[in-house]
Amino acid sequence: MRRNGYVISSLVLAALLMGSLPVFALSLDEAKAKGLVGEKTNGYLGVVASGDADAKALSDDVNQKRRQAYQDIARREKMDLRTVETLAGKKAMGKTPPGNFVEGPGGWVRK
């Protein structure tokens, strides 16, 4: 159980580090609130509103940073990358405020 606690703590740290994103025309919180992006079950951000270049650029940048953080955690904890991604996805979806999008079984849904 201690190992999962460490992994979750590491995931929280990784999420905090993602706050130091380059300046985009759109912030992550703003993009989520506007329904342009949402959290996916695989631990990554997805573009809800296709065709929005700013949302796509933001999503790509966030996902690159998340993947690096997940790989670091998986390597350090000797865990499968998919396991880390899944844990991160559950955590992110759980922390998503009501009204924002999350990935559901049939596609995007408002939480």
C-alpha atoms as a PDB file:
ATOM      1  CA  MET A   1       0.000   0.000   0.000  1.00  0.00           C
ATOM      2  CA  ARG A   2       2.895   2.330   0.709  1.00  0.00           C
ATOM      3  CA  ARG A   3       4.020   1.928  -2.897  1.00  0.00           C
ATOM      4  CA  ASN A   4       0.628   3.114  -4.233  1.00  0.00           C
ATOM      5  CA  GLY A   5       0.734   6.068  -1.842  1.00  0.00           C
ATOM      6  CA  TYR A   6       4.134   7.028  -3.213  1.00  0.00           C
ATOM      7  CA  VAL A   7       2.929   6.657  -6.787  1.00  0.00           C
ATOM      8  CA  ILE A   8      -0.113   8.824  -6.109  1.00  0.00           C
ATOM      9  CA  SER A   9       2.082  11.432  -4.393  1.00  0.00           C
ATOM     10  CA  SER A  10       4.378  11.371  -7.398  1.00  0.00           C
ATOM     11  CA  LEU A  11       1.397  11.830  -9.704  1.00  0.00           C
ATOM     12  CA  VAL A  12       0.255  14.850  -7.694  1.00  0.00           C
ATOM     13  CA  LEU A  13       3.766  16.291  -7.933  1.00  0.00           C
ATOM     14  CA  ALA A  14       3.772  15.698 -11.682  1.00  0.00           C
ATOM     15  CA  ALA A  15       0.442  17.492 -11.988  1.00  0.00           C
ATOM     16  CA  LEU A  16       1.838  20.463 -10.080  1.00  0.00           C
ATOM     17  CA  LEU A  17       4.868  20.556 -12.341  1.00  0.00           C
ATOM     18  CA  MET A  18       2.547  20.732 -15.335  1.00  0.00           C
ATOM     19  CA  GLY A  19       1.466  24.138 -14.056  1.00  0.00           C
ATOM     20  CA  SER A  20       4.693  25.532 -15.496  1.00  0.00           C
ATOM     21  CA  LEU A  21       3.464  25.312 -19.065  1.00  0.00           C
ATOM     22  CA  PRO A  22       4.627  27.682 -21.755  1.00  0.00           C
ATOM     23  CA  VAL A  23       2.358  30.627 -22.402  1.00  0.00           C
ATOM     24  CA  PHE A  24      -0.532  29.659 -24.647  1.00  0.00           C
ATOM     25  CA  ALA A  25      -3.429  31.775 -25.799  1.00  0.00           C
ATOM     26  CA  LEU A  26      -5.464  29.477 -23.577  1.00  0.00           C
ATOM     27  CA  SER A  27      -4.726  28.233 -20.058  1.00  0.00           C
ATOM     28  CA  LEU A  28      -5.437  24.626 -19.128  1.00  0.00           C
ATOM     29  CA  ASP A  29      -8.116  25.614 -16.612  1.00  0.00           C
ATOM     30  CA  GLU A  30      -9.729  27.944 -19.123  1.00  0.00           C
ATOM     31  CA  ALA A  31      -9.705  25.284 -21.846  1.00  0.00           C
ATOM     32  CA  LYS A  32     -11.320  22.797 -19.464  1.00  0.00           C
ATOM     33  CA  ALA A  33     -13.938  25.295 -18.264  1.00  0.00           C
ATOM     34  CA  LYS A  34     -14.832  26.185 -21.856  1.00  0.00           C
ATOM     35  CA  GLY A  35     -15.283  22.514 -22.710  1.00  0.00           C
ATOM     36  CA  LEU A  36     -12.452  22.453 -25.230  1.00  0.00           C
ATOM     37  CA  VAL A  37     -10.429  19.716 -23.511  1.00  0.00           C
ATOM     38  CA  GLY A  38     -11.148  17.000 -20.980  1.00  0.00           C
ATOM     39  CA  GLU A  39      -9.530  14.275 -18.939  1.00  0.00           C
ATOM     40  CA  LYS A  40      -9.247  10.816 -20.436  1.00  0.00           C
ATOM     41  CA  THR A  41      -9.191   7.475 -18.625  1.00  0.00           C
ATOM     42  CA  ASN A  42      -5.663   6.818 -19.896  1.00  0.00           C
ATOM     43  CA  GLY A  43      -4.195   9.726 -17.908  1.00  0.00           C
ATOM     44  CA  TYR A  44      -3.945  12.142 -20.800  1.00  0.00           C
ATOM     45  CA  LEU A  45      -5.824  15.201 -21.929  1.00  0.00           C
ATOM     46  CA  GLY A  46      -8.150  14.961 -24.908  1.00  0.00           C
ATOM     47  CA  VAL A  47      -9.480  17.620 -27.253  1.00  0.00           C
ATOM     48  CA  VAL A  48     -13.268  17.766 -26.983  1.00  0.00           C
ATOM     49  CA  ALA A  49     -13.743  20.528 -29.540  1.00  0.00           C
ATOM     50  CA  SER A  50     -11.914  19.341 -32.626  1.00  0.00           C
ATOM     51  CA  GLY A  51     -10.562  22.034 -34.889  1.00  0.00           C
ATOM     52  CA  ASP A  52      -9.464  24.375 -32.094  1.00  0.00           C
ATOM     53  CA  ALA A  53      -5.742  24.892 -32.757  1.00  0.00           C
ATOM     54  CA  ASP A  54      -5.039  26.437 -29.338  1.00  0.00           C
ATOM     55  CA  ALA A  55      -6.721  23.537 -27.523  1.00  0.00           C
ATOM     56  CA  LYS A  56      -4.788  21.029 -29.642  1.00  0.00           C
ATOM     57  CA  ALA A  57      -1.449  22.761 -28.983  1.00  0.00           C
ATOM     58  CA  LEU A  58      -2.170  22.960 -25.272  1.00  0.00           C
ATOM     59  CA  SER A  59      -3.259  19.320 -25.148  1.00  0.00           C
ATOM     60  CA  ASP A  60      -0.149  18.163 -27.014  1.00  0.00           C
ATOM     61  CA  ASP A  61       2.133  20.086 -24.660  1.00  0.00           C
ATOM     62  CA  VAL A  62       0.400  18.865 -21.489  1.00  0.00           C
ATOM     63  CA  ASN A  63       0.387  15.276 -22.738  1.00  0.00           C
ATOM     64  CA  GLN A  64       4.091  15.390 -23.581  1.00  0.00           C
ATOM     65  CA  LYS A  65       4.879  16.535 -20.043  1.00  0.00           C
ATOM     66  CA  ARG A  66       2.529  13.994 -18.509  1.00  0.00           C
ATOM     67  CA  ARG A  67       4.044  11.148 -20.525  1.00  0.00           C
ATOM     68  CA  GLN A  68       7.538  12.100 -19.372  1.00  0.00           C
ATOM     69  CA  ALA A  69       6.369  12.279 -15.749  1.00  0.00           C
ATOM     70  CA  TYR A  70       4.577   8.914 -16.043  1.00  0.00           C
ATOM     71  CA  GLN A  71       7.651   7.290 -17.607  1.00  0.00           C
ATOM     72  CA  ASP A  72       9.825   8.640 -14.792  1.00  0.00           C
ATOM     73  CA  ILE A  73       7.434   7.284 -12.165  1.00  0.00           C
ATOM     74  CA  ALA A  74       7.133   3.901 -13.911  1.00  0.00           C
ATOM     75  CA  ARG A  75      10.911   3.584 -14.160  1.00  0.00           C
ATOM     76  CA  ARG A  76      11.495   4.652 -10.558  1.00  0.00           C
ATOM     77  CA  GLU A  77       8.757   2.406  -9.160  1.00  0.00           C
ATOM     78  CA  LYS A  78       9.496  -0.488 -11.540  1.00  0.00           C
ATOM     79  CA  MET A  79       5.892  -0.408 -12.721  1.00  0.00           C
ATOM     80  CA  ASP A  80       4.295  -0.820 -16.106  1.00  0.00           C
ATOM     81  CA  LEU A  81       3.698   2.540 -17.834  1.00  0.00           C
ATOM     82  CA  ARG A  82       0.041   1.648 -18.489  1.00  0.00           C
ATOM     83  CA  THR A  83      -0.518   1.094 -14.776  1.00  0.00           C
ATOM     84  CA  VAL A  84       0.855   4.544 -13.962  1.00  0.00           C
ATOM     85  CA  GLU A  85      -1.228   6.111 -16.764  1.00  0.00           C
ATOM     86  CA  THR A  86      -4.391   4.385 -15.520  1.00  0.00           C
ATOM     87  CA  LEU A  87      -3.803   5.488 -11.920  1.00  0.00           C
ATOM     88  CA  ALA A  88      -3.209   9.039 -13.115  1.00  0.00           C
ATOM     89  CA  GLY A  89      -6.359   8.946 -15.249  1.00  0.00           C
ATOM     90  CA  LYS A  90      -8.501   7.845 -12.307  1.00  0.00           C
ATOM     91  CA  LYS A  91      -6.982  10.543 -10.120  1.00  0.00           C
ATOM     92  CA  ALA A  92      -7.435  13.292 -12.727  1.00  0.00           C
ATOM     93  CA  MET A  93     -11.011  12.304 -13.482  1.00  0.00           C
ATOM     94  CA  GLY A  94     -11.812  12.210  -9.785  1.00  0.00           C
ATOM     95  CA  LYS A  95     -10.445  15.727  -9.322  1.00  0.00           C
ATOM     96  CA  THR A  96     -12.253  17.131 -12.362  1.00  0.00           C
ATOM     97  CA  PRO A  97     -14.809  19.725 -11.247  1.00  0.00           C
ATOM     98  CA  PRO A  98     -18.478  19.323 -12.156  1.00  0.00           C
ATOM     99  CA  GLY A  99     -19.295  20.769 -15.554  1.00  0.00           C
ATOM    100  CA  ASN A 100     -15.951  19.873 -17.115  1.00  0.00           C
ATOM    101  CA  PHE A 101     -15.588  17.038 -19.612  1.00  0.00           C
ATOM    102  CA  VAL A 102     -14.292  13.555 -18.860  1.00  0.00           C
ATOM    103  CA  GLU A 103     -14.075  10.543 -21.109  1.00  0.00           C
ATOM    104  CA  GLY A 104     -17.003   8.186 -20.625  1.00  0.00           C
ATOM    105  CA  PRO A 105     -17.666   4.760 -22.137  1.00  0.00           C
ATOM    106  CA  GLY A 106     -19.430   6.329 -25.116  1.00  0.00           C
ATOM    107  CA  GLY A 107     -17.273   9.433 -25.514  1.00  0.00           C
ATOM    108  CA  TRP A 108     -17.127  12.830 -23.837  1.00  0.00           C
ATOM    109  CA  VAL A 109     -19.527  13.598 -20.983  1.00  0.00           C
ATOM    110  CA  ARG A 110     -19.857  16.519 -18.603  1.00  0.00           C
ATOM    111  CA  LYS A 111     -19.088  15.481 -15.068  1.00  0.00           C
END
